C-alpha cells in the first residue's frame, strides 16, 4: 500500500476500512456509552473522555446519568450539583460548559440536539473534534475525527509527521462513509489499545501489512518534564463517626483561575517536626506530581470554613484531591 498522506486509490481505502471495521466488530471494548446512539449519552462520554482515561470515566459516567438521566434534567440542575457529580474528573470547565449547553438545547432548541457539525459547534464547549464525533456517532454524518489516538495511528501508518489540516485531510480520505461513527470509534480504539504511545502491539494490529513504520516512527517533540512539589492540608473532623461526622471545608474563590467555587480541605504551610502526618498520598495534575501530606486535628480550627456533614459530601462540588484525601482517610 503506497501513501501520499492518504491512500491513492479507492481500492486501497476500501481495504483499509474493511480491515479496520472487521477488527473493531470483533474486538471493541464493551463500554457503556456504546449501548446506543443517544446524542445526550454520546455527548456526555465525549466530554468526559477529553484528557481523561476510560477507566476513570466509567464510574463517573454511570453516576452522572443516574443524577441527570436526560438533557432536561441537566439543564434544570444547580451548577453546584453538576460540579459535585463531576468531582474527581478534573478540568471542571467541561462540566460548566456542558451545563450551559444543556440550557441552550432545552431553552432555545426545544430539547433537540443539533444534528450537524455546524449546529453542534454553536453550543458552549463543543469544538471541531467533539462536534464531528457526536455528528458521526449519533447521527451517522460522514465526518472524520482527529484526536490523539487517531493522530498517532495516521502518523505511524503513513510514515509522516502529519499535523494540522494534513491530519484532518488524511482522516477524511480514509473515512468509511457508510459507517462513519463506527469507523471513527475504530480508529480511536486502535490507538487506545493496540497502536499505543509506548510499546505498540504491532504483531496483533489489523493494519500491520498496511503500516509504513510498524510503530517505529520517532516523535519530533519530547514530553514536558514532570515537576515535583510537596503540599500540606489540615483534616479537621469532629462529632462522631460515619455519616454523623463533620469535616471542615473551605471554598475556592469564585474568580480563581483553577477550579473556581470548588470545595477543598484547608491548605497549611507549617509542618510539625514532632508529629507524623495522618496520611500521605500522590496526586498528579498535568505536568506536576504532588506529594500530599495530610495532618489531622479534632480541635476547632481558626480557619474560616464550613463544617460539612459527611452524609452531604456527595452533593458537594469537591476538588478531585479533596475527594481522594477523604477516601484515603476512610471518611467517604
Protein backbone atom coordinates (compact mmCIF):
# COMPACT_ATOMS: atom_id res chain seq x y z
CA UNK A 1 0.00 0.00 0.00
CA UNK A 2 1.55 3.31 -1.04
CA UNK A 3 0.93 6.52 0.89
CA UNK A 4 0.93 10.15 -0.07
CA UNK A 5 -0.75 11.47 3.07
CA UNK A 6 -3.66 9.13 2.29
CA UNK A 7 -4.28 6.01 0.14
CA UNK A 8 -4.23 6.94 -3.53
CA UNK A 9 -6.95 4.57 -4.80
CA UNK A 10 -10.47 3.71 -3.75
CA UNK A 11 -9.41 0.05 -3.59
CA UNK A 12 -6.71 0.88 -1.04
CA UNK A 13 -9.14 2.95 1.03
CA UNK A 14 -11.73 0.17 0.96
CA UNK A 15 -9.09 -2.35 2.01
CA UNK A 16 -8.10 -0.15 4.94
CA UNK A 17 -11.72 0.35 6.02
CA UNK A 18 -12.58 -3.34 5.67
CA UNK A 19 -9.68 -4.46 7.84
CA UNK A 20 -10.29 -1.84 10.50
CA UNK A 21 -14.05 -2.37 10.84
CA UNK A 22 -13.74 -6.17 10.85
CA UNK A 23 -11.26 -5.87 13.72
CA UNK A 24 -13.48 -3.38 15.57
CA UNK A 25 -16.61 -5.53 15.22
CA UNK A 26 -14.74 -8.43 16.81
CA UNK A 27 -12.58 -6.73 19.46
CA UNK A 28 -14.21 -3.46 20.52
CA UNK A 29 -14.49 -2.89 24.24
CA UNK A 30 -17.91 -3.12 25.86
CA UNK A 31 -18.18 0.49 27.01
CA UNK A 32 -21.44 1.89 28.44
CA UNK A 33 -21.73 4.80 26.01
CA UNK A 34 -21.69 2.37 23.09
CA UNK A 35 -25.00 0.80 24.16
CA UNK A 36 -26.96 3.13 21.87
CA UNK A 37 -26.70 6.25 19.72
CA UNK A 38 -28.49 8.62 22.11
CA UNK A 39 -26.85 12.01 21.38
CA UNK A 40 -27.03 13.05 25.05
CA UNK A 41 -25.03 9.98 26.11
CA UNK A 42 -22.61 10.31 23.21
CA UNK A 43 -22.06 13.97 24.06
CA UNK A 44 -21.54 13.20 27.76
CA UNK A 45 -18.99 10.48 27.03
CA UNK A 46 -17.05 12.60 24.56
CA UNK A 47 -16.77 15.50 27.01
CA UNK A 48 -15.79 13.21 29.90
CA UNK A 49 -13.16 11.42 27.81
CA UNK A 50 -11.32 14.63 26.95
CA UNK A 51 -7.89 14.33 28.61
CA UNK A 52 -9.24 11.57 30.88
CA UNK A 53 -8.65 7.81 30.84
CA UNK A 54 -11.54 5.46 30.03
CA UNK A 55 -11.11 3.60 33.33
CA UNK A 56 -11.55 6.83 35.27
CA UNK A 57 -14.62 7.87 33.26
CA UNK A 58 -16.84 4.77 33.52
CA UNK A 59 -17.85 5.18 37.18
CA UNK A 60 -18.45 8.90 36.78
CA UNK A 61 -20.45 8.32 33.59
CA UNK A 62 -22.89 5.98 35.37
CA UNK A 63 -23.23 8.29 38.38
CA UNK A 64 -23.74 11.39 36.21
CA UNK A 65 -26.51 9.66 34.26
CA UNK A 66 -28.11 8.49 37.48
CA UNK A 67 -28.34 12.10 38.67
CA UNK A 68 -29.08 13.67 35.29
CA UNK A 69 -30.62 11.00 33.01
CA UNK A 70 -31.72 13.50 30.34
CA UNK A 71 -30.56 16.80 28.95
CA UNK A 72 -33.65 18.41 30.51
CA UNK A 73 -32.63 17.19 33.96
CA UNK A 74 -29.13 18.54 33.42
CA UNK A 75 -30.39 21.92 32.25
CA UNK A 76 -32.64 22.24 35.32
CA UNK A 77 -29.91 21.27 37.81
CA UNK A 78 -27.99 23.65 40.04
CA UNK A 79 -24.44 24.35 38.94
CA UNK A 80 -23.13 23.12 42.31
CA UNK A 81 -24.88 19.77 41.84
CA UNK A 82 -23.40 19.36 38.36
CA UNK A 83 -19.91 20.09 39.70
CA UNK A 84 -20.46 17.64 42.56
CA UNK A 85 -21.30 14.89 40.08
CA UNK A 86 -18.21 15.83 38.07
CA UNK A 87 -15.91 15.85 41.13
CA UNK A 88 -12.86 13.68 40.57
CA UNK A 89 -12.73 14.05 36.78
CA UNK A 90 -10.86 17.35 36.80
CA UNK A 91 -10.94 20.09 34.15
CA UNK A 92 -14.16 21.41 35.66
CA UNK A 93 -14.70 23.93 32.90
CA UNK A 94 -16.01 20.96 30.89
CA UNK A 95 -18.86 20.48 33.36
CA UNK A 96 -19.72 24.18 33.37
CA UNK A 97 -19.80 24.27 29.58
CA UNK A 98 -21.98 21.14 29.46
CA UNK A 99 -24.42 22.74 31.87
CA UNK A 100 -24.54 25.89 29.73
CA UNK A 101 -25.00 23.87 26.54
CA UNK A 102 -27.82 21.85 28.10
CA UNK A 103 -29.67 25.08 28.87
CA UNK A 104 -29.28 26.22 25.26
CA UNK A 105 -30.56 22.88 23.94
CA UNK A 106 -33.59 22.89 26.26
CA UNK A 107 -34.48 26.58 26.31
CA UNK A 108 -33.65 27.57 22.73
CA UNK A 109 -33.90 24.33 20.74
CA UNK A 110 -36.83 22.56 22.33
CA UNK A 111 -34.67 19.84 23.88
CA UNK A 112 -33.44 18.64 20.47
CA UNK A 113 -29.75 18.20 19.74
CA UNK A 114 -28.40 19.77 16.54
CA UNK A 115 -27.70 17.02 14.00
CA UNK A 116 -24.98 18.81 12.02
CA UNK A 117 -21.40 19.74 12.79
CA UNK A 118 -22.18 23.42 12.31
CA UNK A 119 -25.11 23.33 14.70
CA UNK A 120 -23.20 21.41 17.34
CA UNK A 121 -20.25 23.81 17.22
CA UNK A 122 -22.55 26.65 18.19
CA UNK A 123 -23.07 25.02 21.60
CA UNK A 124 -20.80 26.06 24.51
CA UNK A 125 -17.79 23.81 24.99
CA UNK A 126 -18.04 21.96 21.66
CA UNK A 127 -15.18 22.31 19.20
CA UNK A 128 -14.27 20.70 15.91
CA UNK A 129 -13.40 17.24 17.23
CA UNK A 130 -16.37 16.91 19.60
CA UNK A 131 -18.86 18.16 17.01
CA UNK A 132 -17.58 15.67 14.43
CA UNK A 133 -17.62 12.83 16.96
CA UNK A 134 -21.22 13.48 18.04
CA UNK A 135 -22.45 14.07 14.49
CA UNK A 136 -20.86 10.88 13.16
CA UNK A 137 -21.65 8.56 16.08
CA UNK A 138 -25.16 9.77 16.97
CA UNK A 139 -26.36 10.91 13.54
CA UNK A 140 -24.13 8.99 11.06
CA UNK A 141 -22.88 12.20 9.47
CA UNK A 142 -19.86 11.46 7.18
CA UNK A 143 -17.32 13.36 9.24
CA UNK A 144 -13.86 12.19 10.30
CA UNK A 145 -12.37 12.90 13.74
CA UNK A 146 -8.82 13.54 14.86
CA UNK A 147 -7.85 13.08 18.50
CA UNK A 148 -4.52 12.00 20.00
CA UNK A 149 -5.14 8.33 19.25
CA UNK A 150 -6.18 8.94 15.65
CA UNK A 151 -3.22 11.26 15.11
CA UNK A 152 -0.79 8.58 16.27
CA UNK A 153 -2.37 5.89 14.07
CA UNK A 154 -2.31 8.12 10.98
CA UNK A 155 1.30 9.18 11.51
CA UNK A 156 2.57 5.65 12.02
CA UNK A 157 0.62 4.16 9.14
CA UNK A 158 1.63 6.91 6.72
CA UNK A 159 5.19 7.26 8.00
CA UNK A 160 4.78 11.04 8.06
CA UNK A 161 4.71 13.59 10.88
CA UNK A 162 1.28 14.87 9.87
CA UNK A 163 -0.05 17.97 11.63
CA UNK A 164 -2.93 20.39 11.37
CA UNK A 165 -5.08 20.23 8.26
CA UNK A 166 -2.99 17.42 6.77
CA UNK A 167 -4.15 15.21 9.65
CA UNK A 168 -7.79 16.07 9.10
CA UNK A 169 -7.39 15.57 5.36
CA UNK A 170 -5.82 12.13 5.89
CA UNK A 171 -8.59 11.10 8.29
CA UNK A 172 -11.27 12.30 5.87
CA UNK A 173 -9.64 10.46 2.99
CA UNK A 174 -9.83 7.17 4.88
CA UNK A 175 -13.33 7.60 6.32
CA UNK A 176 -15.87 4.87 5.60
CA UNK A 177 -18.92 6.98 4.78
CA UNK A 178 -21.29 4.02 5.15
CA UNK A 179 -20.33 3.56 8.84
CA UNK A 180 -18.70 6.84 9.86
CA UNK A 181 -19.48 6.56 13.57
CA UNK A 182 -18.10 3.04 13.83
CA UNK A 183 -15.08 3.95 11.70
CA UNK A 184 -14.18 6.89 13.93
CA UNK A 185 -14.58 4.80 17.07
CA UNK A 186 -12.49 2.04 15.49
CA UNK A 187 -9.65 4.45 14.74
CA UNK A 188 -9.70 5.75 18.31
CA UNK A 189 -9.97 2.22 19.69
CA UNK A 190 -6.99 1.06 17.63
CA UNK A 191 -4.85 3.88 19.01
CA UNK A 192 -6.03 3.30 22.57
CA UNK A 193 -5.48 -0.45 22.85
CA UNK A 194 -3.10 -1.56 20.05
CA UNK A 195 -1.22 1.38 18.50
CA UNK A 196 -0.30 2.74 21.92
CA UNK A 197 2.21 5.55 22.56
CA UNK A 198 4.74 3.13 24.05
CA UNK A 199 5.28 -0.49 23.03
CA UNK A 200 2.63 -0.69 20.27
CA UNK A 201 1.36 -4.24 19.71
CA UNK A 202 2.20 -4.39 16.02
CA UNK A 203 2.04 -8.19 15.79
CA UNK A 204 -1.69 -8.20 16.55
CA UNK A 205 -2.53 -4.99 14.69
CA UNK A 206 -5.03 -5.50 11.85
CA UNK A 207 -3.28 -2.76 9.87
CA UNK A 208 0.29 -4.12 10.18
CA UNK A 209 0.61 -5.03 6.49
CA UNK A 210 -0.56 -1.54 5.53
CA UNK A 211 1.66 0.31 8.01
CA UNK A 212 4.71 2.22 6.81
CA UNK A 213 6.51 2.29 10.17
CA UNK A 214 5.12 -0.54 12.32
CA UNK A 215 5.48 1.52 15.43
CA UNK A 216 8.95 2.89 14.68
CA UNK A 217 8.08 6.48 13.77
CA UNK A 218 10.06 8.69 16.13
CA UNK A 219 8.38 11.60 17.85
CA UNK A 220 9.67 15.05 16.97
CA UNK A 221 8.85 16.51 20.39
CA UNK A 222 9.74 15.35 23.88
CA UNK A 223 7.16 15.11 26.66
CA UNK A 224 7.15 18.01 29.07
CA UNK A 225 9.35 17.33 32.12
CA UNK A 226 7.44 16.49 35.28
CA UNK A 227 7.71 18.91 38.19
CA UNK A 228 7.64 17.80 41.82
CA UNK A 229 6.00 19.66 44.69
CA UNK A 230 5.01 18.90 48.28
CA UNK A 231 1.79 20.35 49.71
CA UNK A 232 0.12 20.06 53.11
CA UNK A 233 -3.54 20.03 54.18
CA UNK A 234 -5.38 20.01 57.51
CA UNK A 235 -8.09 17.43 58.05
CA UNK A 236 -10.44 18.70 60.76
CA UNK A 237 -13.01 16.08 61.66
CA UNK A 238 -15.37 16.04 64.64
CA UNK A 239 -18.69 14.95 66.15
CA UNK A 240 -18.63 11.20 65.93
CA UNK A 241 -18.06 8.60 63.27
CA UNK A 242 -19.59 7.71 59.93
CA UNK A 243 -22.34 9.89 58.49
CA UNK A 244 -22.70 11.78 61.80
CA UNK A 245 -19.24 13.25 61.46
CA UNK A 246 -18.40 16.68 60.07
CA UNK A 247 -15.45 17.84 58.01
CA UNK A 248 -14.16 21.39 57.76
CA UNK A 249 -14.07 22.56 54.15
CA UNK A 250 -13.11 25.83 52.52
CA UNK A 251 -14.33 27.17 49.19
CA UNK A 252 -12.01 28.33 46.44
CA UNK A 253 -12.58 31.88 45.25
CA UNK A 254 -15.30 32.23 42.63
CA UNK A 255 -12.85 34.12 40.40
CA UNK A 256 -9.99 31.66 40.88
CA UNK A 257 -8.28 30.62 37.65
CA UNK A 258 -8.30 26.96 38.70
CA UNK A 259 -11.43 25.15 39.95
CA UNK A 260 -13.35 28.31 40.98
CA UNK A 261 -16.00 27.77 43.65
CA UNK A 262 -14.94 24.19 44.39
CA UNK A 263 -14.57 22.96 47.97
CA UNK A 264 -11.39 21.52 49.49
CA UNK A 265 -9.55 20.93 52.76
CA UNK A 266 -7.69 23.90 54.29
CA UNK A 267 -4.14 24.11 52.99
CA UNK A 268 -1.40 24.68 55.54
CA UNK A 269 2.25 25.66 55.37
CA UNK A 270 3.52 24.79 58.85
CA UNK A 271 4.98 21.31 59.39
CA UNK A 272 5.12 19.83 62.88
CA UNK A 273 8.52 18.09 63.20
CA UNK A 274 7.46 16.14 66.29
CA UNK A 275 4.44 14.57 64.60
CA UNK A 276 3.90 12.35 61.62
CA UNK A 277 1.22 13.26 59.09
CA UNK A 278 -2.04 11.34 59.36
CA UNK A 279 -1.55 10.14 55.79
CA UNK A 280 0.46 10.81 52.66
CA UNK A 281 -0.50 10.27 49.03
CA UNK A 282 0.47 11.13 45.48
CA UNK A 283 -1.52 13.33 43.15
CA UNK A 284 -0.77 14.50 39.62
CA UNK A 285 -2.12 17.49 37.72
CA UNK A 286 -0.87 17.97 34.14
CA UNK A 287 2.95 18.20 34.46
CA UNK A 288 3.19 18.40 38.27
CA UNK A 289 3.49 15.43 40.61
CA UNK A 290 2.43 16.31 44.15
CA UNK A 291 3.37 14.62 47.39
CA UNK A 292 0.41 15.40 49.65
CA UNK A 293 0.77 15.36 53.46
CA UNK A 294 -2.43 15.43 55.49
CA UNK A 295 -2.42 16.48 59.15
CA UNK A 296 -5.44 15.50 61.21
CA UNK A 297 -6.93 17.55 64.05
CA UNK A 298 -10.07 17.13 66.15
CA UNK A 299 -9.86 20.64 67.59
CA UNK A 300 -11.80 23.65 66.39
CA UNK A 301 -9.88 25.34 63.64
CA UNK A 302 -9.49 29.10 63.28
CA UNK A 303 -9.78 28.63 59.54
CA UNK A 304 -12.84 30.32 58.09
CA UNK A 305 -14.73 27.47 56.51
CA UNK A 306 -17.83 25.31 56.69
CA UNK A 307 -18.35 22.22 58.83
CA UNK A 308 -19.96 19.86 56.33
CA UNK A 309 -21.82 16.66 57.36
CA UNK A 310 -20.22 13.54 55.91
CA UNK A 311 -23.64 12.46 54.66
CA UNK A 312 -23.77 15.54 52.40
CA UNK A 313 -20.33 15.22 50.85
CA UNK A 314 -21.68 13.51 47.73
CA UNK A 315 -23.69 16.65 46.98
CA UNK A 316 -20.71 18.99 47.48
CA UNK A 317 -18.54 20.00 44.48
CA UNK A 318 -15.24 18.79 45.95
CA UNK A 319 -11.93 19.08 44.17
CA UNK A 320 -10.59 15.75 42.98
CA UNK A 321 -7.76 15.94 45.52
CA UNK A 322 -10.14 16.64 48.41
CA UNK A 323 -12.25 13.63 47.44
CA UNK A 324 -9.10 11.49 47.18
CA UNK A 325 -7.96 12.57 50.67
CA UNK A 326 -11.35 11.90 52.26
CA UNK A 327 -11.44 8.45 50.69
CA UNK A 328 -7.91 7.68 51.88
CA UNK A 329 -8.95 8.77 55.40
CA UNK A 330 -11.96 6.39 55.27
CA UNK A 331 -14.38 9.26 55.72
CA UNK A 332 -16.18 8.69 52.43
